[in-house]
């Protein structure tokens, strides 16, 4: 069984992950508000 990989979709996903990572780093440094992260669809896990 051979799987077909959609390279364009993979590249879009990787670019989004990189952008999200930068946004979270910016939030940790205090340069970005939590509201801007929520508007981008980034949610933080709540600790137990």
C-alpha atoms as a PDB file:
ATOM      1  CA  UNK A   1       0.000   0.000   0.000  1.00  0.00           C
ATOM      2  CA  UNK A   2       1.506   3.291  -1.102  1.00  0.00           C
ATOM      3  CA  UNK A   3       0.588   6.562   0.568  1.00  0.00           C
ATOM      4  CA  UNK A   4       0.534   9.789  -1.364  1.00  0.00           C
ATOM      5  CA  UNK A   5       1.880  12.860   0.437  1.00  0.00           C
ATOM      6  CA  UNK A   6       0.489  16.292  -0.309  1.00  0.00           C
ATOM      7  CA  UNK A   7       3.690  18.354  -0.106  1.00  0.00           C
ATOM      8  CA  UNK A   8       1.878  21.684  -0.337  1.00  0.00           C
ATOM      9  CA  UNK A   9      -0.275  20.839   2.687  1.00  0.00           C
ATOM     10  CA  UNK A  10       2.770  19.686   4.654  1.00  0.00           C
ATOM     11  CA  UNK A  11       4.622  22.931   3.891  1.00  0.00           C
ATOM     12  CA  UNK A  12       1.613  25.015   4.965  1.00  0.00           C
ATOM     13  CA  UNK A  13       1.396  23.084   8.228  1.00  0.00           C
ATOM     14  CA  UNK A  14       5.095  23.533   8.968  1.00  0.00           C
ATOM     15  CA  UNK A  15       4.865  27.262   8.253  1.00  0.00           C
ATOM     16  CA  UNK A  16       1.876  27.595  10.606  1.00  0.00           C
ATOM     17  CA  UNK A  17       3.680  25.670  13.362  1.00  0.00           C
ATOM     18  CA  UNK A  18       6.698  27.979  13.034  1.00  0.00           C
ATOM     19  CA  UNK A  19       4.511  31.101  13.156  1.00  0.00           C
ATOM     20  CA  UNK A  20       2.626  29.790  16.202  1.00  0.00           C
ATOM     21  CA  UNK A  21       5.891  29.004  17.952  1.00  0.00           C
ATOM     22  CA  UNK A  22       7.126  32.564  17.348  1.00  0.00           C
ATOM     23  CA  UNK A  23       3.839  33.990  18.656  1.00  0.00           C
ATOM     24  CA  UNK A  24       4.105  31.937  21.868  1.00  0.00           C
ATOM     25  CA  UNK A  25       7.711  33.025  22.371  1.00  0.00           C
ATOM     26  CA  UNK A  26       6.611  36.634  21.925  1.00  0.00           C
ATOM     27  CA  UNK A  27       3.866  36.126  24.528  1.00  0.00           C
ATOM     28  CA  UNK A  28       6.337  34.636  27.022  1.00  0.00           C
ATOM     29  CA  UNK A  29       8.613  37.652  26.567  1.00  0.00           C
ATOM     30  CA  UNK A  30       5.635  39.949  27.220  1.00  0.00           C
ATOM     31  CA  UNK A  31       5.485  41.451  23.730  1.00  0.00           C
ATOM     32  CA  UNK A  32       2.140  39.919  22.738  1.00  0.00           C
ATOM     33  CA  UNK A  33      -1.185  39.778  24.574  1.00  0.00           C
ATOM     34  CA  UNK A  34      -3.111  36.598  25.329  1.00  0.00           C
ATOM     35  CA  UNK A  35      -6.002  37.957  23.234  1.00  0.00           C
ATOM     36  CA  UNK A  36      -3.884  38.044  20.090  1.00  0.00           C
ATOM     37  CA  UNK A  37      -2.889  34.402  20.658  1.00  0.00           C
ATOM     38  CA  UNK A  38      -6.529  33.403  21.126  1.00  0.00           C
ATOM     39  CA  UNK A  39      -7.455  35.206  17.908  1.00  0.00           C
ATOM     40  CA  UNK A  40      -4.869  33.067  16.092  1.00  0.00           C
ATOM     41  CA  UNK A  41      -6.424  29.923  17.570  1.00  0.00           C
ATOM     42  CA  UNK A  42      -3.647  29.135  20.053  1.00  0.00           C
ATOM     43  CA  UNK A  43      -4.824  27.682  23.356  1.00  0.00           C
ATOM     44  CA  UNK A  44      -2.748  26.906  26.414  1.00  0.00           C
ATOM     45  CA  UNK A  45      -3.308  23.708  28.333  1.00  0.00           C
ATOM     46  CA  UNK A  46      -4.536  24.128  31.895  1.00  0.00           C
ATOM     47  CA  UNK A  47      -2.346  22.314  34.431  1.00  0.00           C
ATOM     48  CA  UNK A  48      -3.970  19.836  36.782  1.00  0.00           C
END
